[in-house]
N, C-alpha and C. Protein backbone atom coordinates (compact mmCIF):
# COMPACT_ATOMS: atom_id res chain seq x y z
N VAL A 1 127.84 98.34 104.13
CA VAL A 1 126.62 97.39 103.94
C VAL A 1 125.64 98.38 104.02
N VAL A 2 125.26 98.52 105.50
CA VAL A 2 123.68 99.11 105.91
C VAL A 2 123.50 100.41 105.29
N PHE A 3 124.92 101.51 104.90
CA PHE A 3 124.68 102.71 104.13
C PHE A 3 123.76 102.01 102.82
N MET A 4 124.77 101.39 101.89
CA MET A 4 124.37 101.13 100.75
C MET A 4 123.05 100.21 100.46
N VAL A 5 122.33 99.09 101.25
CA VAL A 5 121.50 98.59 101.54
C VAL A 5 120.41 99.62 101.72
N THR A 6 119.94 100.52 102.89
CA THR A 6 119.38 101.33 103.38
C THR A 6 119.32 102.45 102.19
N PHE A 7 120.05 102.90 101.05
CA PHE A 7 120.60 104.07 100.66
C PHE A 7 119.51 103.31 99.60
N VAL A 8 119.65 102.30 99.12
CA VAL A 8 119.12 101.63 97.67
C VAL A 8 117.73 101.49 98.13
N ASN A 9 117.05 101.09 99.55
CA ASN A 9 115.76 100.83 100.20
C ASN A 9 115.30 102.18 99.44
N TYR A 10 115.53 103.50 99.66
CA TYR A 10 114.75 104.63 100.04
C TYR A 10 115.10 104.73 98.34
N ALA A 11 116.11 105.08 97.91
CA ALA A 11 115.89 105.07 96.20
C ALA A 11 114.63 104.07 95.58
N MET A 12 114.72 102.62 95.74
CA MET A 12 113.88 102.07 95.13
C MET A 12 113.04 102.65 95.51
N SER A 13 112.08 103.03 96.44
CA SER A 13 110.83 103.81 96.60
C SER A 13 110.85 104.74 95.63
N HIS A 14 111.68 105.59 95.70
CA HIS A 14 111.55 106.75 94.89
C HIS A 14 111.33 106.44 93.49
N PHE A 15 112.13 105.62 93.15
CA PHE A 15 111.95 105.12 91.56
C PHE A 15 110.46 104.71 91.44
N SER A 16 110.18 103.78 91.92
CA SER A 16 108.78 103.30 91.43
C SER A 16 107.83 104.29 91.55
N ARG A 17 107.76 105.23 93.05
CA ARG A 17 106.95 106.07 93.03
C ARG A 17 106.95 107.38 91.86
N LYS A 18 108.09 107.41 91.14
CA LYS A 18 108.30 108.59 90.15
C LYS A 18 108.02 108.13 88.68
N CYS A 19 108.57 106.49 88.93
CA CYS A 19 107.90 106.10 87.26
C CYS A 19 106.32 105.85 87.28
N TYR A 20 105.68 105.86 88.62
CA TYR A 20 104.09 106.05 87.93
C TYR A 20 103.78 107.19 87.66
N THR A 21 104.03 108.67 88.21
CA THR A 21 104.00 109.33 87.83
C THR A 21 104.27 109.83 86.63
N ASN A 22 105.29 109.04 86.24
CA ASN A 22 105.56 109.67 84.54
C ASN A 22 105.05 109.37 83.65
N VAL A 23 104.11 108.44 84.17
CA VAL A 23 103.09 107.61 83.13
C VAL A 23 101.85 108.08 83.23
N LYS A 24 101.65 108.99 84.14
CA LYS A 24 100.64 109.28 84.56
C LYS A 24 99.35 109.55 83.01
N THR A 25 99.89 110.53 82.25
CA THR A 25 99.65 111.26 80.86
C THR A 25 99.22 109.76 79.87
N ASP A 26 99.34 108.54 80.08
CA ASP A 26 99.16 107.54 79.26
C ASP A 26 98.32 106.59 79.65
N LEU A 27 97.94 106.68 81.65
CA LEU A 27 96.85 106.22 82.19
C LEU A 27 95.78 107.12 81.76
N VAL A 28 95.81 108.11 81.49
CA VAL A 28 94.83 109.00 81.05
C VAL A 28 94.51 108.61 79.64
N LYS A 29 95.30 108.80 78.90
CA LYS A 29 95.27 107.90 77.28
C LYS A 29 94.01 106.81 77.38
N SER A 30 94.39 105.91 78.50
CA SER A 30 93.96 104.44 78.37
C SER A 30 92.97 104.71 79.04
N GLY A 31 92.08 105.35 79.49
CA GLY A 31 91.02 105.83 79.93
C GLY A 31 90.66 106.39 81.47
N VAL A 32 91.80 106.22 82.25
CA VAL A 32 92.17 106.36 83.72
C VAL A 32 91.61 107.75 84.04
N ASP A 33 91.03 108.76 84.06
CA ASP A 33 90.38 109.91 84.08
C ASP A 33 91.20 110.50 84.93
N LYS A 34 91.43 112.39 84.71
CA LYS A 34 91.98 112.98 85.48
C LYS A 34 91.40 112.67 87.64
N ILE A 35 90.17 112.74 87.38
CA ILE A 35 88.90 112.48 88.75
C ILE A 35 89.76 111.11 89.44
N ILE A 36 90.30 109.95 88.53
CA ILE A 36 90.61 109.07 89.47
C ILE A 36 91.95 108.96 90.12
N LEU A 37 92.86 110.03 88.59
CA LEU A 37 94.35 110.19 89.17
C LEU A 37 94.30 110.73 90.19
N SER A 38 93.61 111.56 90.33
CA SER A 38 93.72 112.50 91.64
C SER A 38 93.24 112.12 93.11
N GLN A 39 92.23 110.84 93.14
CA GLN A 39 91.92 110.26 93.83
C GLN A 39 93.21 109.35 94.14
N MET A 40 93.79 108.21 93.68
CA MET A 40 94.51 107.78 93.39
C MET A 40 95.31 108.80 94.50
N ASP A 41 95.88 109.64 94.08
CA ASP A 41 96.65 110.62 94.60
C ASP A 41 96.50 110.80 96.22
N THR A 42 95.42 111.09 96.23
CA THR A 42 94.60 111.46 97.60
C THR A 42 94.98 110.43 98.30
N ALA A 43 94.54 109.29 98.23
CA ALA A 43 94.70 108.03 98.65
C ALA A 43 95.94 107.53 99.30
N PHE A 44 97.25 107.48 98.08
CA PHE A 44 98.30 107.35 98.69
C PHE A 44 98.78 108.18 99.47
N MET A 45 99.15 109.34 99.18
CA MET A 45 99.61 110.33 100.39
C MET A 45 98.52 110.04 101.64
N PHE A 46 97.32 110.06 101.86
CA PHE A 46 96.81 109.73 103.05
C PHE A 46 97.67 108.62 103.57
N THR A 47 97.39 107.63 103.18
CA THR A 47 98.02 106.17 103.45
C THR A 47 99.47 106.18 103.95
N TYR A 48 99.93 107.07 102.95
CA TYR A 48 101.86 107.86 103.07
C TYR A 48 101.75 108.27 104.68
N ALA A 49 100.90 108.95 104.58
CA ALA A 49 101.52 109.59 105.71
C ALA A 49 100.96 109.07 107.37
N MET A 50 99.33 108.42 106.85
CA MET A 50 98.93 107.22 108.17
C MET A 50 100.22 106.31 108.35
N GLY A 51 100.50 105.89 107.72
CA GLY A 51 101.57 104.49 107.38
C GLY A 51 102.55 104.96 107.97
N SER A 52 103.17 106.19 108.09
CA SER A 52 104.55 106.13 108.53
C SER A 52 104.64 106.08 109.84
N PHE A 53 103.56 106.71 110.97
CA PHE A 53 103.17 106.20 112.49
C PHE A 53 103.26 104.72 112.57
N ILE A 54 102.47 103.83 111.63
CA ILE A 54 102.51 102.64 111.48
C ILE A 54 103.79 101.92 111.65
N SER A 55 103.87 102.54 110.50
CA SER A 55 105.50 101.80 110.02
C SER A 55 106.39 101.84 111.13
N GLY A 56 106.86 102.79 111.58
CA GLY A 56 107.74 103.18 112.51
C GLY A 56 107.30 102.06 114.17
N ARG A 57 106.39 102.41 114.05
CA ARG A 57 105.87 101.03 115.16
C ARG A 57 106.21 99.76 115.10
N LEU A 58 106.13 98.78 113.35
CA LEU A 58 105.92 98.14 113.09
C LEU A 58 107.61 97.54 112.73
N GLY A 59 108.28 98.61 112.61
CA GLY A 59 109.66 98.42 113.05
C GLY A 59 110.32 98.19 114.15
N ASP A 60 109.69 99.22 114.99
CA ASP A 60 110.05 99.00 116.48
C ASP A 60 109.60 97.33 117.29
N MET A 61 108.80 96.94 116.52
CA MET A 61 107.97 95.44 116.88
C MET A 61 109.09 94.23 116.13
N PHE A 62 109.07 94.21 114.54
CA PHE A 62 109.27 93.29 113.91
C PHE A 62 110.66 93.27 113.73
N PRO A 63 111.52 92.01 113.22
CA PRO A 63 112.89 92.69 112.45
C PRO A 63 112.46 93.80 111.14
N GLN A 64 113.37 95.01 111.32
CA GLN A 64 113.15 95.92 110.63
C GLN A 64 113.18 95.41 108.88
N ASN A 65 114.35 94.59 108.74
CA ASN A 65 114.70 93.94 107.19
C ASN A 65 113.43 93.53 106.73
N VAL A 66 112.32 92.96 107.74
CA VAL A 66 111.32 92.03 106.82
C VAL A 66 110.34 93.64 106.88
N VAL A 67 109.97 94.22 107.63
CA VAL A 67 108.95 95.00 107.54
C VAL A 67 109.35 96.06 106.20
N ILE A 68 110.75 96.44 106.16
CA ILE A 68 111.22 97.25 104.72
C ILE A 68 111.37 96.08 103.50
N GLY A 69 111.36 95.34 103.88
CA GLY A 69 111.24 94.09 102.72
C GLY A 69 109.44 94.02 102.31
N VAL A 70 109.10 93.35 103.30
CA VAL A 70 107.59 93.55 103.05
C VAL A 70 106.80 94.45 102.05
N GLY A 71 107.75 95.86 102.23
CA GLY A 71 106.79 97.56 101.94
C GLY A 71 107.62 97.38 100.65
N LEU A 72 108.80 97.13 100.37
CA LEU A 72 109.25 96.89 98.73
C LEU A 72 108.69 95.76 98.13
N ILE A 73 108.09 94.70 98.29
CA ILE A 73 107.64 93.80 97.79
C ILE A 73 105.72 94.01 97.60
N GLY A 74 105.31 94.83 98.52
CA GLY A 74 104.25 95.59 98.31
C GLY A 74 103.98 96.54 97.36
N SER A 75 104.93 97.06 97.33
CA SER A 75 104.94 98.13 96.08
C SER A 75 105.36 97.71 94.49
N THR A 76 105.73 96.32 94.66
CA THR A 76 105.59 95.29 93.25
C THR A 76 104.29 95.35 93.49
N LEU A 77 103.39 94.69 94.23
CA LEU A 77 102.05 94.24 94.11
C LEU A 77 101.16 95.30 93.08
N CYS A 78 101.16 96.35 93.94
CA CYS A 78 100.70 97.46 93.58
C CYS A 78 100.96 98.11 92.43
N LEU A 79 101.87 98.12 91.79
CA LEU A 79 102.14 98.92 90.42
C LEU A 79 101.48 97.45 89.62
N GLY A 80 101.98 96.26 90.27
CA GLY A 80 101.43 95.28 89.33
C GLY A 80 99.91 95.51 89.26
N MET A 81 98.90 95.81 90.28
CA MET A 81 97.68 95.92 89.88
C MET A 81 97.17 97.23 89.30
N ILE A 82 98.26 97.70 89.67
CA ILE A 82 97.83 99.50 88.25
C ILE A 82 97.62 98.96 87.18
N THR A 83 98.56 98.11 86.56
CA THR A 83 98.96 97.55 85.68
C THR A 83 98.05 96.82 84.62
N ILE A 84 97.37 95.46 85.76
CA ILE A 84 96.28 94.38 85.60
C ILE A 84 95.22 95.46 85.31
N PHE A 85 94.99 96.09 86.64
CA PHE A 85 93.63 96.98 85.90
C PHE A 85 93.06 97.40 85.01
N GLN A 86 94.68 98.55 84.41
CA GLN A 86 94.67 99.05 82.79
C GLN A 86 94.26 98.09 81.69
N GLU A 87 94.96 96.90 81.69
CA GLU A 87 94.99 95.89 80.93
C GLU A 87 93.70 95.42 80.62
N THR A 88 92.78 95.37 81.69
CA THR A 88 92.00 94.46 81.79
C THR A 88 90.99 95.89 81.38
N ASP A 89 90.84 96.70 81.23
CA ASP A 89 90.17 97.91 80.71
C ASP A 89 88.71 97.84 81.56
N VAL A 90 89.32 97.39 83.19
CA VAL A 90 88.09 97.65 83.81
C VAL A 90 87.38 99.29 84.30
N ILE A 91 88.23 100.20 84.01
CA ILE A 91 87.83 101.53 83.88
C ILE A 91 86.11 101.32 82.97
N HIS A 92 86.38 101.09 81.57
CA HIS A 92 85.10 100.77 80.25
C HIS A 92 84.57 100.03 80.60
N SER A 93 84.81 98.99 81.23
CA SER A 93 83.63 97.77 81.95
C SER A 93 82.24 98.33 83.05
N ASN A 94 83.21 98.89 84.12
CA ASN A 94 82.56 99.01 85.19
C ASN A 94 82.89 100.10 85.43
N TYR A 95 82.76 101.02 84.95
CA TYR A 95 83.67 102.57 86.12
C TYR A 95 83.63 102.92 87.45
N GLY A 96 82.38 102.46 88.09
CA GLY A 96 82.65 102.86 89.78
C GLY A 96 83.67 101.83 90.59
N PHE A 97 83.43 100.51 89.78
CA PHE A 97 84.48 99.21 89.98
C PHE A 97 86.04 99.82 90.02
N GLY A 98 85.98 100.28 88.81
CA GLY A 98 87.58 100.73 88.01
C GLY A 98 87.92 101.43 89.09
N PHE A 99 86.96 102.79 89.57
CA PHE A 99 87.64 103.87 89.99
C PHE A 99 87.67 103.24 91.38
N PHE A 100 87.18 102.44 92.46
CA PHE A 100 87.40 101.64 93.56
C PHE A 100 89.12 100.79 93.18
N LEU A 101 88.73 100.32 92.14
CA LEU A 101 90.42 99.68 92.08
C LEU A 101 91.97 100.20 92.44
N PHE A 102 91.62 101.25 91.31
CA PHE A 102 92.75 102.06 90.77
C PHE A 102 92.96 103.02 92.65
N VAL A 103 91.94 103.61 92.88
CA VAL A 103 92.26 104.06 94.32
C VAL A 103 92.65 103.22 95.36
N PHE A 104 92.23 102.28 95.55
CA PHE A 104 92.54 100.85 96.27
C PHE A 104 93.84 100.15 95.96
N ALA A 105 94.48 100.35 95.02
CA ALA A 105 95.88 99.92 94.86
C ALA A 105 96.91 101.34 95.50
N GLN A 106 96.57 102.65 94.72
CA GLN A 106 96.98 102.97 95.65
C GLN A 106 97.09 103.78 96.77
N PHE A 107 96.33 103.17 97.55
CA PHE A 107 95.57 102.93 99.10
C PHE A 107 96.70 102.54 99.75
N LEU A 108 96.91 100.79 99.07
CA LEU A 108 97.81 100.09 99.74
C LEU A 108 98.86 100.38 99.84
N HIS A 109 99.45 101.09 98.07
CA HIS A 109 100.59 101.46 97.76
C HIS A 109 101.46 102.42 99.17
N GLY A 110 100.44 103.36 99.46
CA GLY A 110 101.06 104.41 100.78
C GLY A 110 101.46 103.69 101.85
N PHE A 111 100.94 102.83 102.14
CA PHE A 111 101.20 101.92 103.44
C PHE A 111 102.32 101.24 103.06
N ALA A 112 102.41 100.75 101.72
CA ALA A 112 103.70 100.21 101.51
C ALA A 112 104.74 100.75 101.80
N GLN A 113 104.56 102.17 100.93
CA GLN A 113 105.72 102.94 100.41
C GLN A 113 106.28 103.95 102.01
N SER A 114 105.22 103.65 102.83
CA SER A 114 105.41 104.08 104.39
C SER A 114 106.55 103.49 105.35
N THR A 115 106.71 102.52 104.57
CA THR A 115 107.71 101.86 105.37
C THR A 115 109.18 102.20 105.28
N GLY A 116 109.58 102.56 104.09
CA GLY A 116 110.35 103.17 104.45
C GLY A 116 111.24 104.29 105.22
N GLY A 117 110.94 105.37 104.91
CA GLY A 117 110.96 106.52 105.85
C GLY A 117 111.29 106.01 107.72
N PRO A 118 110.80 106.08 108.26
CA PRO A 118 110.90 105.60 109.58
C PRO A 118 111.75 104.46 109.51
N VAL A 119 112.15 103.36 109.31
CA VAL A 119 112.28 102.07 109.35
C VAL A 119 113.91 101.75 109.25
N ASN A 120 114.10 102.55 107.42
CA ASN A 120 115.24 103.06 107.23
C ASN A 120 116.29 103.84 107.86
N THR A 121 115.25 104.87 108.72
CA THR A 121 116.02 105.67 109.42
C THR A 121 116.71 105.23 110.59
N SER A 122 115.68 104.44 111.29
CA SER A 122 115.96 103.82 112.32
C SER A 122 117.12 103.07 112.31
N VAL A 123 117.31 102.17 111.04
CA VAL A 123 118.48 101.73 111.19
C VAL A 123 119.55 102.37 110.70
N MET A 124 119.58 103.17 109.90
CA MET A 124 120.78 103.97 110.02
C MET A 124 121.15 104.74 111.45
N GLY A 125 119.67 105.01 112.16
CA GLY A 125 120.64 105.73 113.38
C GLY A 125 120.87 104.74 113.80
N ALA A 126 120.74 103.28 114.36
CA ALA A 126 121.53 102.21 115.06
C ALA A 126 122.96 102.46 114.90
N TRP A 127 123.78 102.64 113.31
CA TRP A 127 124.51 101.86 113.10
C TRP A 127 125.50 102.75 112.86
N PHE A 128 124.88 104.70 112.96
CA PHE A 128 125.99 105.48 113.04
C PHE A 128 126.28 106.32 113.66
N PRO A 129 127.23 106.79 114.73
CA PRO A 129 127.58 107.15 115.86
C PRO A 129 126.70 109.25 115.96
N LYS A 130 126.68 109.65 116.77
CA LYS A 130 125.99 110.77 116.59
C LYS A 130 126.94 111.97 116.33
N LYS A 131 127.96 111.49 116.53
CA LYS A 131 129.24 112.38 115.77
C LYS A 131 129.57 112.09 114.24
N GLY A 132 129.29 113.37 113.91
CA GLY A 132 129.28 113.10 111.91
C GLY A 132 128.06 112.17 111.45
N ARG A 133 127.38 112.62 112.51
CA ARG A 133 125.80 111.67 111.37
C ARG A 133 125.29 113.31 111.00
N GLY A 134 125.40 114.29 111.00
CA GLY A 134 125.21 115.04 109.75
C GLY A 134 125.43 115.43 108.53
N LEU A 135 126.59 114.84 108.46
CA LEU A 135 127.10 114.60 106.84
C LEU A 135 126.78 112.87 106.32
N ILE A 136 126.80 112.31 107.44
CA ILE A 136 126.35 110.73 106.64
C ILE A 136 124.70 110.76 106.74
N PHE A 137 124.20 111.19 107.20
CA PHE A 137 122.64 111.31 107.04
C PHE A 137 122.74 112.71 105.81
N GLY A 138 123.31 113.58 105.66
CA GLY A 138 123.37 114.23 104.17
C GLY A 138 123.70 113.80 103.11
N LEU A 139 124.41 112.91 103.08
CA LEU A 139 124.81 111.93 102.15
C LEU A 139 123.66 110.98 101.74
N TRP A 140 123.36 110.64 102.92
CA TRP A 140 122.41 109.10 102.78
C TRP A 140 120.93 109.87 102.04
N THR A 141 120.32 110.95 102.57
CA THR A 141 118.91 111.90 102.13
C THR A 141 119.23 112.13 100.39
N CYS A 142 120.23 111.90 99.85
CA CYS A 142 120.41 111.91 98.28
C CYS A 142 119.58 110.81 97.59
N HIS A 143 119.33 110.01 98.34
CA HIS A 143 118.41 108.46 97.99
C HIS A 143 117.22 109.33 97.32
N GLN A 144 116.75 109.97 97.58
CA GLN A 144 115.27 110.28 97.37
C GLN A 144 115.46 110.99 95.71
N TYR A 145 116.81 111.78 95.68
CA TYR A 145 117.21 112.22 94.29
C TYR A 145 117.56 110.89 94.08
N ILE A 146 118.34 110.72 93.65
CA ILE A 146 118.74 109.41 92.88
C ILE A 146 117.85 108.60 91.98
N GLY A 147 116.56 108.37 93.19
CA GLY A 147 115.49 107.35 92.85
C GLY A 147 114.86 108.35 91.62
N ASP A 148 114.44 109.33 91.99
CA ASP A 148 113.48 110.48 91.11
C ASP A 148 114.47 110.11 89.48
N ILE A 149 116.24 110.53 89.44
CA ILE A 149 116.60 110.64 88.11
C ILE A 149 116.60 109.36 87.53
N VAL A 150 116.60 108.30 88.68
CA VAL A 150 116.68 106.83 87.24
C VAL A 150 115.37 106.68 87.14
N ALA A 151 114.53 106.93 87.78
CA ALA A 151 112.61 106.89 86.97
C ALA A 151 112.80 107.46 85.76
N ALA A 152 112.84 108.95 86.01
CA ALA A 152 113.09 109.47 84.73
C ALA A 152 114.00 108.99 83.72
N LEU A 153 115.14 108.63 84.33
CA LEU A 153 115.94 108.03 82.89
C LEU A 153 115.34 106.63 82.32
N ALA A 154 114.69 105.78 83.16
CA ALA A 154 114.10 104.52 83.18
C ALA A 154 113.04 104.56 82.20
N THR A 155 112.31 105.45 82.63
CA THR A 155 111.00 105.65 82.16
C THR A 155 111.29 106.12 80.68
N ALA A 156 112.08 107.25 80.34
CA ALA A 156 112.52 107.74 79.15
C ALA A 156 113.23 106.03 78.21
N TRP A 157 113.83 106.06 78.69
CA TRP A 157 114.71 104.67 77.87
C TRP A 157 113.64 103.63 77.63
N ILE A 158 112.93 103.37 78.52
CA ILE A 158 111.83 101.95 78.06
C ILE A 158 110.99 102.99 77.18
N ILE A 159 110.33 103.94 76.91
CA ILE A 159 109.69 104.43 76.21
C ILE A 159 109.94 104.29 74.82
N LYS A 160 111.27 105.10 74.61
CA LYS A 160 112.44 105.47 73.45
C LYS A 160 112.56 104.26 72.83
N GLN A 161 112.88 102.88 73.77
CA GLN A 161 113.13 101.38 73.08
C GLN A 161 112.03 101.21 72.47
N GLY A 162 110.79 101.11 72.57
CA GLY A 162 109.59 101.20 71.56
C GLY A 162 108.58 99.94 72.73
N PHE A 163 108.91 100.20 74.11
CA PHE A 163 108.33 98.81 74.52
C PHE A 163 107.10 100.07 75.28
N ALA A 164 105.79 99.40 75.62
CA ALA A 164 104.70 99.51 75.86
C ALA A 164 104.91 100.60 77.23
N TRP A 165 104.12 101.73 77.52
CA TRP A 165 104.27 102.45 78.91
C TRP A 165 103.94 101.82 80.38
N GLN A 166 103.29 100.46 79.87
CA GLN A 166 102.95 99.40 80.88
C GLN A 166 104.41 98.95 81.76
N TRP A 167 105.50 98.93 81.09
CA TRP A 167 106.61 98.72 81.63
C TRP A 167 107.54 99.55 82.30
N ALA A 168 107.14 100.71 82.28
CA ALA A 168 107.76 101.69 83.01
C ALA A 168 107.03 101.53 84.77
N LEU A 169 105.89 100.66 84.77
CA LEU A 169 105.46 100.76 85.75
C LEU A 169 106.03 99.24 86.19
N LEU A 170 106.02 98.08 85.66
CA LEU A 170 106.53 97.04 86.02
C LEU A 170 108.62 96.91 86.00
N VAL A 171 108.81 97.95 85.47
CA VAL A 171 110.27 97.48 85.72
C VAL A 171 110.47 97.86 86.99
N PRO A 172 110.64 99.11 87.87
CA PRO A 172 110.17 99.14 88.69
C PRO A 172 109.79 98.54 89.89
N GLY A 173 108.52 98.08 89.39
CA GLY A 173 108.02 97.00 90.49
C GLY A 173 108.64 95.82 90.48
N ILE A 174 108.86 95.10 89.47
CA ILE A 174 110.01 93.77 89.67
C ILE A 174 111.14 93.77 90.50
N ALA A 175 112.03 95.41 89.63
CA ALA A 175 112.81 95.74 90.64
C ALA A 175 112.86 96.01 92.66
N ASN A 176 112.04 96.35 92.64
CA ASN A 176 111.27 96.92 94.11
C ASN A 176 111.05 95.36 95.16
N GLY A 177 110.48 94.24 94.12
CA GLY A 177 110.64 92.73 94.57
C GLY A 177 111.36 92.39 94.91
N ILE A 178 112.59 92.55 93.78
CA ILE A 178 113.98 91.76 93.71
C ILE A 178 115.18 92.31 95.09
N TRP A 179 114.85 93.93 95.07
CA TRP A 179 115.45 94.47 96.84
C TRP A 179 115.08 94.22 97.26
N GLY A 180 113.34 93.62 97.50
CA GLY A 180 112.65 93.24 98.50
C GLY A 180 113.08 92.30 99.37
N VAL A 181 113.26 91.51 98.90
CA VAL A 181 114.01 90.14 99.06
C VAL A 181 115.41 89.77 99.66
N ILE A 182 116.07 91.02 98.96
CA ILE A 182 117.35 90.87 99.12
C ILE A 182 117.42 91.36 100.76
N ASN A 183 116.46 92.46 100.98
CA ASN A 183 116.52 93.18 102.44
C ASN A 183 116.74 92.02 103.27
N PHE A 184 115.85 91.12 103.26
CA PHE A 184 115.53 89.62 103.88
C PHE A 184 116.89 89.36 104.35
N PHE A 185 117.82 89.64 103.45
CA PHE A 185 119.32 88.13 103.44
C PHE A 185 120.54 89.09 104.18
N PHE A 186 120.18 90.80 103.40
CA PHE A 186 121.32 91.26 103.37
C PHE A 186 121.30 92.58 104.46
N LEU A 187 120.14 92.69 105.62
CA LEU A 187 120.04 93.95 106.23
C LEU A 187 119.74 93.35 107.64
């Protein structure tokens, strides 16, 4: 159970991250320019890197399932924020404020996503003996590729079905939130 839940935890993180990447051209078409996107990515990676240290410590201080669950739910909120900011057309009504909001959403998203690596790895390390752990972790780290593949397929399917591209953010966001709640009960 621990292997599966932590595997899906990390796959969900990649699912939501990659779906965002897959709709960047649509964001540009809606008025979010490439400068904003580059700053969004910078903010995300900065807080993801810094957040990994913080999240690791939080995973030592608080129940790990709660830290992971809050991170997944945080991803839900951040993807929702991006969608809301795009839908309200804040970029065209006040560029500076819109710039701030989009970058801030990814700034928070980096922190939320940073819970995945250190805390899930800690959970896995506590459940599996050192002998044979290489094979187990080798299989387990496929989570990122599975999440990326699911994101590509899901985004393509959503667009092909005629849904607005925003659903490519909302679907993984909602899935992250649901899976975050599941963590509270099953990890």
